[in-house]
Amino acid sequence: MLSFIKKNSLLFILLALAAFYMGRYLYMQPKVVNGENAPIIKGKLLDGSSFDLAELKGQYVLVDFWGSWCGPCLVEIPGLKKIDQKYKNKAFKEATGMKILSIAIEKNEDRWKSAIKRTGQNWKHHMVDLSTSLKFLNSPLATEFGVKQVPSKFLLNPDGVIIGVNQSLEEIDAFFEARLK
């Protein structure tokens, strides 16, 4: 019996590791999925104006959850800037345009403003989703979307339906490129 356990211990360890990583992967997935209507997003933009996601109906919207404290988020910003520059004034077959809505999950609004300026995020639609507890990702909008890690991205079609969850910037670029008029 002891030799059986020794021979199969490596297999047991590998199976346990696979189960752990599969469980972690599934847990980290946002609660919203393709085909669902996006949750309601209302609030104030960086410039102080009121915002309602419904205002962007008819356009593609890339909702990007990020944080000024998040290294991988900051690494992605140049790619987001390229997508914004490439597609913000373009016409699509089924949409009148494309907008990026950045939602920063923060404890400090000043850090958010400083990060936007420092990284040169030139698009208009920036919101902050303030977290008041020790758990960053339980801010109101992040909770509504089921965000469990940042960066997290949600691509919305012109009707506000989620058509992409956590796609790479390359996949998003290819999606827009294929739909240009």
C-alpha atoms as a PDB file:
ATOM      1  CA  MET A   1       0.000   0.000   0.000  1.00  0.00           C
ATOM      2  CA  LEU A   2       2.837   2.400   0.866  1.00  0.00           C
ATOM      3  CA  SER A   3       4.481   1.877  -2.547  1.00  0.00           C
ATOM      4  CA  PHE A   4       1.138   2.622  -4.241  1.00  0.00           C
ATOM      5  CA  ILE A   5       0.925   5.948  -2.370  1.00  0.00           C
ATOM      6  CA  LYS A   6       4.537   6.832  -3.243  1.00  0.00           C
ATOM      7  CA  LYS A   7       4.002   6.005  -6.910  1.00  0.00           C
ATOM      8  CA  ASN A   8       0.797   8.018  -7.106  1.00  0.00           C
ATOM      9  CA  SER A   9       1.775  10.964  -4.898  1.00  0.00           C
ATOM     10  CA  LEU A  10       3.050  12.949  -7.863  1.00  0.00           C
ATOM     11  CA  LEU A  11      -0.222  12.338  -9.677  1.00  0.00           C
ATOM     12  CA  PHE A  12      -2.165  13.409  -6.585  1.00  0.00           C
ATOM     13  CA  ILE A  13      -0.109  16.624  -6.273  1.00  0.00           C
ATOM     14  CA  LEU A  14      -0.626  17.437  -9.958  1.00  0.00           C
ATOM     15  CA  LEU A  15      -4.378  16.846  -9.700  1.00  0.00           C
ATOM     16  CA  ALA A  16      -4.585  19.010  -6.564  1.00  0.00           C
ATOM     17  CA  LEU A  17      -2.692  21.830  -8.291  1.00  0.00           C
ATOM     18  CA  ALA A  18      -4.893  21.586 -11.376  1.00  0.00           C
ATOM     19  CA  ALA A  19      -8.037  21.731  -9.222  1.00  0.00           C
ATOM     20  CA  PHE A  20      -6.687  24.748  -7.329  1.00  0.00           C
ATOM     21  CA  TYR A  21      -5.847  26.724 -10.467  1.00  0.00           C
ATOM     22  CA  MET A  22      -9.113  25.809 -12.180  1.00  0.00           C
ATOM     23  CA  GLY A  23     -11.060  26.927  -9.110  1.00  0.00           C
ATOM     24  CA  ARG A  24      -9.094  30.171  -8.930  1.00  0.00           C
ATOM     25  CA  TYR A  25      -9.682  30.823 -12.643  1.00  0.00           C
ATOM     26  CA  LEU A  26     -13.422  30.294 -12.307  1.00  0.00           C
ATOM     27  CA  TYR A  27     -13.611  32.458  -9.174  1.00  0.00           C
ATOM     28  CA  MET A  28     -11.801  35.348 -10.896  1.00  0.00           C
ATOM     29  CA  GLN A  29     -14.291  35.497 -13.757  1.00  0.00           C
ATOM     30  CA  PRO A  30     -16.617  38.526 -13.670  1.00  0.00           C
ATOM     31  CA  LYS A  31     -20.243  37.843 -12.860  1.00  0.00           C
ATOM     32  CA  VAL A  32     -21.544  39.361 -16.118  1.00  0.00           C
ATOM     33  CA  VAL A  33     -21.215  37.416 -19.358  1.00  0.00           C
ATOM     34  CA  ASN A  34     -21.636  37.890 -23.090  1.00  0.00           C
ATOM     35  CA  GLY A  35     -25.214  38.474 -24.144  1.00  0.00           C
ATOM     36  CA  GLU A  36     -26.327  40.237 -20.955  1.00  0.00           C
ATOM     37  CA  ASN A  37     -27.309  43.879 -20.811  1.00  0.00           C
ATOM     38  CA  ALA A  38     -24.602  45.913 -19.136  1.00  0.00           C
ATOM     39  CA  PRO A  39     -25.428  47.063 -15.612  1.00  0.00           C
ATOM     40  CA  ILE A  40     -26.558  50.676 -15.261  1.00  0.00           C
ATOM     41  CA  ILE A  41     -23.643  53.083 -15.022  1.00  0.00           C
ATOM     42  CA  LYS A  42     -24.332  56.595 -13.780  1.00  0.00           C
ATOM     43  CA  GLY A  43     -22.098  59.068 -12.021  1.00  0.00           C
ATOM     44  CA  LYS A  44     -19.746  61.989 -12.442  1.00  0.00           C
ATOM     45  CA  LEU A  45     -16.982  62.228 -15.000  1.00  0.00           C
ATOM     46  CA  LEU A  46     -13.515  63.630 -14.384  1.00  0.00           C
ATOM     47  CA  ASP A  47     -14.638  67.067 -15.579  1.00  0.00           C
ATOM     48  CA  GLY A  48     -17.521  67.066 -13.056  1.00  0.00           C
ATOM     49  CA  SER A  49     -20.295  66.535 -15.614  1.00  0.00           C
ATOM     50  CA  SER A  50     -23.012  63.942 -15.063  1.00  0.00           C
ATOM     51  CA  PHE A  51     -22.791  60.686 -16.966  1.00  0.00           C
ATOM     52  CA  ASP A  52     -25.255  57.962 -17.876  1.00  0.00           C
ATOM     53  CA  LEU A  53     -24.154  55.006 -19.996  1.00  0.00           C
ATOM     54  CA  ALA A  54     -27.433  55.340 -21.919  1.00  0.00           C
ATOM     55  CA  GLU A  55     -25.981  58.550 -23.465  1.00  0.00           C
ATOM     56  CA  LEU A  56     -23.601  56.391 -25.488  1.00  0.00           C
ATOM     57  CA  LYS A  57     -26.333  54.243 -27.050  1.00  0.00           C
ATOM     58  CA  GLY A  58     -25.595  53.648 -30.722  1.00  0.00           C
ATOM     59  CA  GLN A  59     -21.824  53.405 -30.139  1.00  0.00           C
ATOM     60  CA  TYR A  60     -19.484  50.652 -29.095  1.00  0.00           C
ATOM     61  CA  VAL A  61     -18.284  51.180 -25.540  1.00  0.00           C
ATOM     62  CA  LEU A  62     -15.173  49.648 -24.025  1.00  0.00           C
ATOM     63  CA  VAL A  63     -15.593  49.705 -20.239  1.00  0.00           C
ATOM     64  CA  ASP A  64     -12.177  49.445 -18.612  1.00  0.00           C
ATOM     65  CA  PHE A  65     -11.915  48.850 -14.860  1.00  0.00           C
ATOM     66  CA  TRP A  66      -8.462  49.848 -13.660  1.00  0.00           C
ATOM     67  CA  GLY A  67      -6.600  51.455 -10.769  1.00  0.00           C
ATOM     68  CA  SER A  68      -3.789  53.971 -10.421  1.00  0.00           C
ATOM     69  CA  TRP A  69      -2.178  51.477  -8.009  1.00  0.00           C
ATOM     70  CA  CYS A  70      -2.315  48.571 -10.487  1.00  0.00           C
ATOM     71  CA  GLY A  71       0.892  47.834 -12.412  1.00  0.00           C
ATOM     72  CA  PRO A  72      -0.731  45.691 -15.153  1.00  0.00           C
ATOM     73  CA  CYS A  73      -3.363  48.421 -15.650  1.00  0.00           C
ATOM     74  CA  LEU A  74      -0.688  51.071 -16.192  1.00  0.00           C
ATOM     75  CA  VAL A  75       1.124  48.791 -18.652  1.00  0.00           C
ATOM     76  CA  GLU A  76      -2.078  48.512 -20.745  1.00  0.00           C
ATOM     77  CA  ILE A  77      -2.706  52.256 -20.994  1.00  0.00           C
ATOM     78  CA  PRO A  78      -0.529  52.826 -24.106  1.00  0.00           C
ATOM     79  CA  GLY A  79      -2.524  50.099 -25.886  1.00  0.00           C
ATOM     80  CA  LEU A  80      -5.819  51.679 -24.833  1.00  0.00           C
ATOM     81  CA  LYS A  81      -4.562  55.033 -26.113  1.00  0.00           C
ATOM     82  CA  LYS A  82      -3.774  53.441 -29.491  1.00  0.00           C
ATOM     83  CA  ILE A  83      -7.274  51.935 -29.710  1.00  0.00           C
ATOM     84  CA  ASP A  84      -8.815  55.284 -28.787  1.00  0.00           C
ATOM     85  CA  GLN A  85      -6.759  57.168 -31.381  1.00  0.00           C
ATOM     86  CA  LYS A  86      -7.388  54.580 -34.088  1.00  0.00           C
ATOM     87  CA  TYR A  87     -11.169  54.207 -33.677  1.00  0.00           C
ATOM     88  CA  LYS A  88     -12.645  57.189 -31.806  1.00  0.00           C
ATOM     89  CA  ASN A  89     -13.631  59.073 -34.966  1.00  0.00           C
ATOM     90  CA  LYS A  90     -14.413  56.079 -37.155  1.00  0.00           C
ATOM     91  CA  ALA A  91     -17.762  54.904 -38.455  1.00  0.00           C
ATOM     92  CA  PHE A  92     -18.689  51.264 -38.070  1.00  0.00           C
ATOM     93  CA  LYS A  93     -21.166  49.104 -39.951  1.00  0.00           C
ATOM     94  CA  GLU A  94     -23.489  48.787 -36.950  1.00  0.00           C
ATOM     95  CA  ALA A  95     -22.429  51.733 -34.754  1.00  0.00           C
ATOM     96  CA  THR A  96     -21.928  55.473 -34.988  1.00  0.00           C
ATOM     97  CA  GLY A  97     -18.626  55.362 -33.118  1.00  0.00           C
ATOM     98  CA  MET A  98     -16.563  53.967 -30.255  1.00  0.00           C
ATOM     99  CA  LYS A  99     -15.901  55.320 -26.779  1.00  0.00           C
ATOM    100  CA  ILE A 100     -13.736  54.158 -23.898  1.00  0.00           C
ATOM    101  CA  LEU A 101     -15.213  54.452 -20.416  1.00  0.00           C
ATOM    102  CA  SER A 102     -12.478  54.123 -17.811  1.00  0.00           C
ATOM    103  CA  ILE A 103     -13.655  53.316 -14.306  1.00  0.00           C
ATOM    104  CA  ALA A 104     -10.916  53.603 -11.711  1.00  0.00           C
ATOM    105  CA  ILE A 105     -11.322  51.653  -8.495  1.00  0.00           C
ATOM    106  CA  GLU A 106      -9.690  53.881  -5.928  1.00  0.00           C
ATOM    107  CA  LYS A 107      -9.584  54.922  -2.309  1.00  0.00           C
ATOM    108  CA  ASN A 108      -8.177  58.343  -3.168  1.00  0.00           C
ATOM    109  CA  GLU A 109      -9.632  60.555  -5.884  1.00  0.00           C
ATOM    110  CA  ASP A 110      -6.469  62.677  -6.148  1.00  0.00           C
ATOM    111  CA  ARG A 111      -4.345  59.653  -7.147  1.00  0.00           C
ATOM    112  CA  TRP A 112      -6.880  58.844  -9.854  1.00  0.00           C
ATOM    113  CA  LYS A 113      -6.729  62.364 -11.304  1.00  0.00           C
ATOM    114  CA  SER A 114      -2.946  62.417 -11.154  1.00  0.00           C
ATOM    115  CA  ALA A 115      -2.658  59.035 -12.903  1.00  0.00           C
ATOM    116  CA  ILE A 116      -4.925  60.140 -15.760  1.00  0.00           C
ATOM    117  CA  LYS A 117      -2.841  63.251 -16.312  1.00  0.00           C
ATOM    118  CA  ARG A 118       0.496  61.428 -15.924  1.00  0.00           C
ATOM    119  CA  THR A 119      -0.435  58.634 -18.354  1.00  0.00           C
ATOM    120  CA  GLY A 120      -2.094  60.899 -20.939  1.00  0.00           C
ATOM    121  CA  GLN A 121      -5.478  59.221 -21.080  1.00  0.00           C
ATOM    122  CA  ASN A 122      -7.125  61.770 -23.389  1.00  0.00           C
ATOM    123  CA  TRP A 123     -10.598  60.317 -23.750  1.00  0.00           C
ATOM    124  CA  LYS A 124     -13.503  62.127 -22.092  1.00  0.00           C
ATOM    125  CA  HIS A 125     -15.192  59.338 -20.166  1.00  0.00           C
ATOM    126  CA  HIS A 126     -13.363  58.785 -16.878  1.00  0.00           C
ATOM    127  CA  MET A 127     -15.140  57.846 -13.669  1.00  0.00           C
ATOM    128  CA  VAL A 128     -13.893  56.910 -10.230  1.00  0.00           C
ATOM    129  CA  ASP A 129     -15.520  54.110  -8.251  1.00  0.00           C
ATOM    130  CA  LEU A 130     -14.459  54.843  -4.685  1.00  0.00           C
ATOM    131  CA  SER A 131     -13.941  51.947  -2.324  1.00  0.00           C
ATOM    132  CA  THR A 132     -14.462  52.628   1.358  1.00  0.00           C
ATOM    133  CA  SER A 133     -13.300  49.312   2.762  1.00  0.00           C
ATOM    134  CA  LEU A 134     -10.023  47.436   2.849  1.00  0.00           C
ATOM    135  CA  LYS A 135     -11.199  45.331  -0.102  1.00  0.00           C
ATOM    136  CA  PHE A 136     -10.604  47.488  -3.183  1.00  0.00           C
ATOM    137  CA  LEU A 137     -12.785  45.526  -5.546  1.00  0.00           C
ATOM    138  CA  ASN A 138     -16.005  45.874  -3.580  1.00  0.00           C
ATOM    139  CA  SER A 139     -16.702  49.399  -4.807  1.00  0.00           C
ATOM    140  CA  PRO A 140     -20.261  49.840  -6.154  1.00  0.00           C
ATOM    141  CA  LEU A 141     -19.678  49.533  -9.925  1.00  0.00           C
ATOM    142  CA  ALA A 142     -17.023  46.832  -9.587  1.00  0.00           C
ATOM    143  CA  THR A 143     -19.453  44.828  -7.462  1.00  0.00           C
ATOM    144  CA  GLU A 144     -22.250  45.332 -10.003  1.00  0.00           C
ATOM    145  CA  PHE A 145     -20.051  43.930 -12.787  1.00  0.00           C
ATOM    146  CA  GLY A 146     -18.569  41.259 -10.537  1.00  0.00           C
ATOM    147  CA  VAL A 147     -15.033  42.511 -11.093  1.00  0.00           C
ATOM    148  CA  LYS A 148     -12.561  40.440  -9.074  1.00  0.00           C
ATOM    149  CA  GLN A 149      -9.333  41.651 -10.666  1.00  0.00           C
ATOM    150  CA  VAL A 150      -8.048  44.623 -12.599  1.00  0.00           C
ATOM    151  CA  PRO A 151      -7.634  45.339 -15.348  1.00  0.00           C
ATOM    152  CA  SER A 152     -11.033  44.029 -16.441  1.00  0.00           C
ATOM    153  CA  LYS A 153     -12.652  45.006 -19.713  1.00  0.00           C
ATOM    154  CA  PHE A 154     -16.182  44.731 -21.044  1.00  0.00           C
ATOM    155  CA  LEU A 155     -17.022  45.494 -24.667  1.00  0.00           C
ATOM    156  CA  LEU A 156     -20.588  46.686 -25.213  1.00  0.00           C
ATOM    157  CA  ASN A 157     -22.438  46.737 -28.505  1.00  0.00           C
ATOM    158  CA  PRO A 158     -24.444  49.800 -29.615  1.00  0.00           C
ATOM    159  CA  ASP A 159     -27.471  48.541 -27.634  1.00  0.00           C
ATOM    160  CA  GLY A 160     -25.520  48.218 -24.369  1.00  0.00           C
ATOM    161  CA  VAL A 161     -25.252  44.428 -24.525  1.00  0.00           C
ATOM    162  CA  ILE A 162     -21.997  42.842 -23.374  1.00  0.00           C
ATOM    163  CA  ILE A 163     -20.259  41.225 -26.344  1.00  0.00           C
ATOM    164  CA  GLY A 164     -16.758  40.781 -24.922  1.00  0.00           C
ATOM    165  CA  VAL A 165     -15.397  40.065 -21.439  1.00  0.00           C
ATOM    166  CA  ASN A 166     -11.707  40.499 -20.647  1.00  0.00           C
ATOM    167  CA  GLN A 167     -10.563  40.335 -24.232  1.00  0.00           C
ATOM    168  CA  SER A 168      -6.972  41.262 -24.999  1.00  0.00           C
ATOM    169  CA  LEU A 169      -6.279  44.620 -26.608  1.00  0.00           C
ATOM    170  CA  GLU A 170      -5.289  42.752 -29.765  1.00  0.00           C
ATOM    171  CA  GLU A 171      -8.683  40.999 -29.871  1.00  0.00           C
ATOM    172  CA  ILE A 172     -10.481  44.314 -29.322  1.00  0.00           C
ATOM    173  CA  ASP A 173      -8.452  45.973 -32.087  1.00  0.00           C
ATOM    174  CA  ALA A 174      -9.248  43.109 -34.494  1.00  0.00           C
ATOM    175  CA  PHE A 175     -12.947  43.318 -33.563  1.00  0.00           C
ATOM    176  CA  PHE A 176     -13.124  47.029 -34.406  1.00  0.00           C
ATOM    177  CA  GLU A 177     -10.980  46.667 -37.534  1.00  0.00           C
ATOM    178  CA  ALA A 178     -13.360  44.029 -38.938  1.00  0.00           C
ATOM    179  CA  ARG A 179     -16.375  46.299 -38.415  1.00  0.00           C
ATOM    180  CA  LEU A 180     -15.154  49.527 -40.009  1.00  0.00           C
ATOM    181  CA  LYS A 181     -17.248  50.942 -42.835  1.00  0.00           C
END
